[in-house]
C-alpha cells in the first residue's frame, strides 16, 4: 500500500510523525514489543506504515498487541496515514 500511494513512509511529514511515536515507545520501554517497526534505516518507517495501516483497517500482523493498544502506541503515524488517505479521496 505504501508503494501504491507513492511511498508516503519516506516523506518528511511521515518521518516526523514516526520519530515522535518512536520517542514515546522508547520512553515507555516498549522497544521489544515494536522491535520490527523500530528497525534502522527505511525498514522501520516502512514497517510501521504497513502495520499501522493494517491496524486502522481491522487487524495487522502484530497479533500479540491489541488493535487499540497498537494505535495508542503509534498515534502520530496513524494520523499521518489518515491524512494521506484523505488526500487520495480528494483526487478526481
N, C-alpha and C. Protein backbone atom coordinates (compact mmCIF):
# COMPACT_ATOMS: atom_id res chain seq x y z
N UNK A 1 0.84 -1.19 0.00
CA UNK A 1 0.00 0.00 0.00
C UNK A 1 0.88 1.25 0.00
N UNK A 2 1.93 1.22 0.80
CA UNK A 2 2.85 2.36 0.88
C UNK A 2 3.35 2.72 -0.52
N UNK A 3 3.81 1.72 -1.25
CA UNK A 3 4.33 1.95 -2.60
C UNK A 3 3.22 2.44 -3.53
N UNK A 4 2.05 1.87 -3.43
CA UNK A 4 0.93 2.26 -4.29
C UNK A 4 0.50 3.71 -4.06
N UNK A 5 0.73 4.21 -2.86
CA UNK A 5 0.36 5.59 -2.53
C UNK A 5 1.50 6.57 -2.78
N UNK A 6 2.59 6.10 -3.37
CA UNK A 6 3.72 6.99 -3.66
C UNK A 6 4.76 7.02 -2.55
N UNK A 7 4.79 6.01 -1.74
CA UNK A 7 5.75 5.84 -0.63
C UNK A 7 5.70 6.98 0.38
N UNK A 8 4.53 7.23 0.97
CA UNK A 8 4.46 8.28 1.98
C UNK A 8 5.34 8.02 3.20
N UNK A 9 5.74 6.78 3.42
CA UNK A 9 6.62 6.49 4.57
C UNK A 9 7.98 7.16 4.43
N UNK A 10 8.32 7.61 3.23
CA UNK A 10 9.59 8.29 3.00
C UNK A 10 9.46 9.80 3.10
N UNK A 11 8.25 10.32 3.28
CA UNK A 11 8.05 11.77 3.32
C UNK A 11 8.52 12.36 4.65
N UNK A 12 8.86 13.64 4.62
CA UNK A 12 9.30 14.32 5.84
C UNK A 12 8.22 14.31 6.90
N UNK A 13 6.99 14.55 6.50
CA UNK A 13 5.88 14.58 7.45
C UNK A 13 5.69 13.25 8.16
N UNK A 14 5.74 12.17 7.37
CA UNK A 14 5.59 10.85 7.97
C UNK A 14 6.76 10.55 8.89
N UNK A 15 7.97 10.87 8.45
CA UNK A 15 9.16 10.58 9.27
C UNK A 15 9.10 11.35 10.59
N UNK A 16 8.59 12.58 10.56
CA UNK A 16 8.46 13.35 11.80
C UNK A 16 7.45 12.68 12.74
N UNK A 17 6.33 12.23 12.18
CA UNK A 17 5.31 11.52 12.97
C UNK A 17 5.90 10.23 13.55
N UNK A 18 6.64 9.52 12.73
CA UNK A 18 7.27 8.27 13.15
C UNK A 18 8.23 8.52 14.31
N UNK A 19 9.08 9.54 14.18
CA UNK A 19 10.07 9.83 15.23
C UNK A 19 9.39 10.22 16.54
N UNK A 20 8.28 10.95 16.47
CA UNK A 20 7.53 11.29 17.69
C UNK A 20 7.03 10.02 18.38
N UNK A 21 6.46 9.13 17.59
CA UNK A 21 5.94 7.90 18.17
C UNK A 21 7.05 7.01 18.69
N UNK A 22 8.16 6.94 17.98
CA UNK A 22 9.30 6.15 18.43
C UNK A 22 9.79 6.66 19.78
N UNK A 23 9.85 7.97 19.94
CA UNK A 23 10.28 8.54 21.22
C UNK A 23 9.36 8.10 22.35
N UNK A 24 8.06 8.11 22.09
CA UNK A 24 7.10 7.66 23.10
C UNK A 24 7.23 6.18 23.42
N UNK A 25 7.44 5.39 22.40
CA UNK A 25 7.60 3.94 22.58
C UNK A 25 8.86 3.65 23.40
N UNK A 26 9.94 4.33 23.06
CA UNK A 26 11.19 4.12 23.81
C UNK A 26 11.04 4.60 25.26
N UNK A 27 10.39 5.74 25.47
CA UNK A 27 10.18 6.26 26.82
C UNK A 27 9.33 5.31 27.67
N UNK A 28 8.40 4.62 27.02
CA UNK A 28 7.54 3.66 27.71
C UNK A 28 8.22 2.30 27.90
N UNK A 29 9.42 2.16 27.36
CA UNK A 29 10.15 0.90 27.49
C UNK A 29 9.55 -0.24 26.70
N UNK A 30 8.91 0.09 25.57
CA UNK A 30 8.25 -0.93 24.75
C UNK A 30 9.02 -1.26 23.47
N UNK A 31 10.32 -1.08 23.51
CA UNK A 31 11.15 -1.36 22.34
C UNK A 31 10.98 -2.78 21.83
N UNK A 32 10.95 -3.75 22.75
CA UNK A 32 10.84 -5.15 22.33
C UNK A 32 9.52 -5.43 21.63
N UNK A 33 8.45 -4.84 22.14
CA UNK A 33 7.12 -5.07 21.57
C UNK A 33 7.03 -4.60 20.13
N UNK A 34 7.73 -3.52 19.81
CA UNK A 34 7.66 -2.91 18.48
C UNK A 34 9.00 -2.97 17.75
N UNK A 35 9.83 -3.95 18.07
CA UNK A 35 11.17 -4.05 17.51
C UNK A 35 11.17 -4.06 15.98
N UNK A 36 10.21 -4.73 15.38
CA UNK A 36 10.18 -4.83 13.92
C UNK A 36 9.97 -3.46 13.29
N UNK A 37 9.16 -2.62 13.93
CA UNK A 37 8.88 -1.29 13.42
C UNK A 37 9.97 -0.29 13.83
N UNK A 38 10.88 -0.72 14.67
CA UNK A 38 11.97 0.15 15.12
C UNK A 38 13.29 -0.17 14.42
N UNK A 39 13.23 -0.94 13.35
CA UNK A 39 14.45 -1.25 12.60
C UNK A 39 15.10 0.03 12.09
N UNK A 40 16.40 -0.02 11.88
CA UNK A 40 17.12 1.15 11.39
C UNK A 40 16.87 1.35 9.89
N UNK A 41 17.24 2.51 9.44
CA UNK A 41 17.10 2.84 8.02
C UNK A 41 15.64 3.03 7.62
N UNK A 42 15.34 2.72 6.37
CA UNK A 42 13.98 2.87 5.87
C UNK A 42 13.03 1.77 6.34
N UNK A 43 13.60 0.65 6.75
CA UNK A 43 12.77 -0.50 7.12
C UNK A 43 11.81 -0.19 8.26
N UNK A 44 12.26 0.51 9.29
CA UNK A 44 11.40 0.81 10.43
C UNK A 44 10.17 1.62 10.04
N UNK A 45 10.35 2.77 9.40
CA UNK A 45 9.19 3.55 8.97
C UNK A 45 8.30 2.80 7.98
N UNK A 46 8.89 2.04 7.07
CA UNK A 46 8.08 1.27 6.12
C UNK A 46 7.23 0.23 6.83
N UNK A 47 7.82 -0.47 7.79
CA UNK A 47 7.07 -1.49 8.53
C UNK A 47 6.02 -0.85 9.44
N UNK A 48 6.36 0.29 10.02
CA UNK A 48 5.37 1.00 10.84
C UNK A 48 4.18 1.42 9.98
N UNK A 49 4.46 1.93 8.78
CA UNK A 49 3.37 2.30 7.88
C UNK A 49 2.49 1.09 7.59
N UNK A 50 3.11 0.00 7.23
CA UNK A 50 2.35 -1.20 6.86
C UNK A 50 1.50 -1.71 8.01
N UNK A 51 2.09 -1.80 9.19
CA UNK A 51 1.35 -2.35 10.32
C UNK A 51 0.26 -1.41 10.80
N UNK A 52 0.54 -0.13 10.89
CA UNK A 52 -0.48 0.82 11.33
C UNK A 52 -1.60 0.91 10.31
N UNK A 53 -1.28 0.90 9.04
CA UNK A 53 -2.32 0.88 8.00
C UNK A 53 -3.22 -0.33 8.22
N UNK A 54 -2.63 -1.49 8.42
CA UNK A 54 -3.41 -2.71 8.64
C UNK A 54 -4.25 -2.61 9.91
N UNK A 55 -3.67 -2.06 10.97
CA UNK A 55 -4.42 -1.92 12.22
C UNK A 55 -5.60 -0.96 12.04
N UNK A 56 -5.41 0.09 11.27
CA UNK A 56 -6.51 1.03 11.00
C UNK A 56 -7.64 0.39 10.22
N UNK A 57 -7.32 -0.67 9.50
CA UNK A 57 -8.31 -1.33 8.66
C UNK A 57 -8.73 -2.70 9.18
N UNK A 58 -8.60 -2.90 10.46
CA UNK A 58 -9.12 -4.13 11.05
C UNK A 58 -8.15 -4.90 11.91
N UNK A 59 -7.04 -5.30 11.35
CA UNK A 59 -6.05 -6.06 12.11
C UNK A 59 -4.78 -6.19 11.30
N UNK A 60 -3.68 -6.22 12.01
CA UNK A 60 -2.40 -6.36 11.35
C UNK A 60 -1.75 -7.68 11.71
N UNK A 61 -0.48 -7.77 11.44
CA UNK A 61 0.27 -8.99 11.70
C UNK A 61 0.72 -9.09 13.16
N UNK A 62 0.70 -7.96 13.89
CA UNK A 62 1.16 -7.94 15.29
C UNK A 62 0.06 -8.48 16.20
N UNK A 63 -0.16 -9.78 16.14
CA UNK A 63 -1.24 -10.42 16.90
C UNK A 63 -1.03 -10.32 18.41
N UNK A 64 0.17 -10.07 18.86
CA UNK A 64 0.47 -10.01 20.28
C UNK A 64 0.10 -8.66 20.91
N UNK A 65 -0.35 -7.71 20.10
CA UNK A 65 -0.74 -6.39 20.60
C UNK A 65 -2.19 -6.15 20.20
N UNK A 66 -3.03 -5.77 21.15
CA UNK A 66 -4.42 -5.44 20.84
C UNK A 66 -4.44 -4.25 19.88
N UNK A 67 -5.41 -4.27 18.98
CA UNK A 67 -5.55 -3.22 17.97
C UNK A 67 -5.52 -1.84 18.61
N UNK A 68 -6.34 -1.62 19.64
CA UNK A 68 -6.42 -0.29 20.25
C UNK A 68 -5.10 0.11 20.93
N UNK A 69 -4.39 -0.87 21.49
CA UNK A 69 -3.10 -0.58 22.11
C UNK A 69 -2.06 -0.22 21.05
N UNK A 70 -2.13 -0.90 19.93
CA UNK A 70 -1.20 -0.62 18.84
C UNK A 70 -1.39 0.81 18.35
N UNK A 71 -2.63 1.18 18.15
CA UNK A 71 -2.91 2.53 17.64
C UNK A 71 -2.58 3.60 18.68
N UNK A 72 -2.68 3.28 19.96
CA UNK A 72 -2.28 4.22 21.01
C UNK A 72 -0.77 4.42 21.00
N UNK A 73 -0.02 3.40 20.66
CA UNK A 73 1.44 3.50 20.62
C UNK A 73 1.92 4.30 19.41
N UNK A 74 1.13 4.31 18.35
CA UNK A 74 1.52 4.97 17.10
C UNK A 74 0.49 6.03 16.69
N UNK A 75 0.13 6.97 17.56
CA UNK A 75 -0.93 7.93 17.21
C UNK A 75 -0.56 8.89 16.08
N UNK A 76 0.68 9.32 16.05
CA UNK A 76 1.09 10.27 15.02
C UNK A 76 1.22 9.61 13.66
N UNK A 77 1.72 8.38 13.65
CA UNK A 77 1.79 7.62 12.39
C UNK A 77 0.38 7.35 11.89
N UNK A 78 -0.51 6.97 12.80
CA UNK A 78 -1.90 6.70 12.39
C UNK A 78 -2.53 7.95 11.78
N UNK A 79 -2.30 9.10 12.39
CA UNK A 79 -2.87 10.34 11.85
C UNK A 79 -2.25 10.69 10.50
N UNK A 80 -0.96 10.47 10.36
CA UNK A 80 -0.30 10.73 9.07
C UNK A 80 -0.90 9.86 7.97
N UNK A 81 -1.20 8.61 8.29
CA UNK A 81 -1.81 7.71 7.31
C UNK A 81 -3.23 8.16 6.99
N UNK A 82 -4.00 8.51 8.02
CA UNK A 82 -5.37 9.01 7.77
C UNK A 82 -5.33 10.24 6.87
N UNK A 83 -4.42 11.15 7.16
CA UNK A 83 -4.29 12.37 6.35
C UNK A 83 -3.96 12.03 4.89
N UNK A 84 -3.05 11.09 4.70
CA UNK A 84 -2.66 10.69 3.34
C UNK A 84 -3.83 10.07 2.60
N UNK A 85 -4.62 9.26 3.31
CA UNK A 85 -5.78 8.65 2.67
C UNK A 85 -6.84 9.69 2.32
N UNK A 86 -6.96 10.72 3.13
CA UNK A 86 -7.89 11.81 2.80
C UNK A 86 -7.45 12.53 1.53
N UNK A 87 -6.14 12.71 1.37
CA UNK A 87 -5.63 13.32 0.15
C UNK A 87 -6.01 12.49 -1.07
N UNK A 88 -5.93 11.19 -0.93
CA UNK A 88 -6.28 10.30 -2.05
C UNK A 88 -7.77 10.42 -2.39
N UNK A 89 -8.60 10.55 -1.38
CA UNK A 89 -10.04 10.66 -1.63
C UNK A 89 -10.41 11.93 -2.39
N UNK A 90 -9.60 12.96 -2.23
CA UNK A 90 -9.87 14.24 -2.88
C UNK A 90 -9.44 14.27 -4.34
N UNK A 91 -8.66 13.27 -4.76
CA UNK A 91 -8.21 13.23 -6.15
C UNK A 91 -9.38 12.87 -7.06
N UNK A 92 -9.40 13.47 -8.25
CA UNK A 92 -10.50 13.17 -9.18
C UNK A 92 -10.43 11.76 -9.73
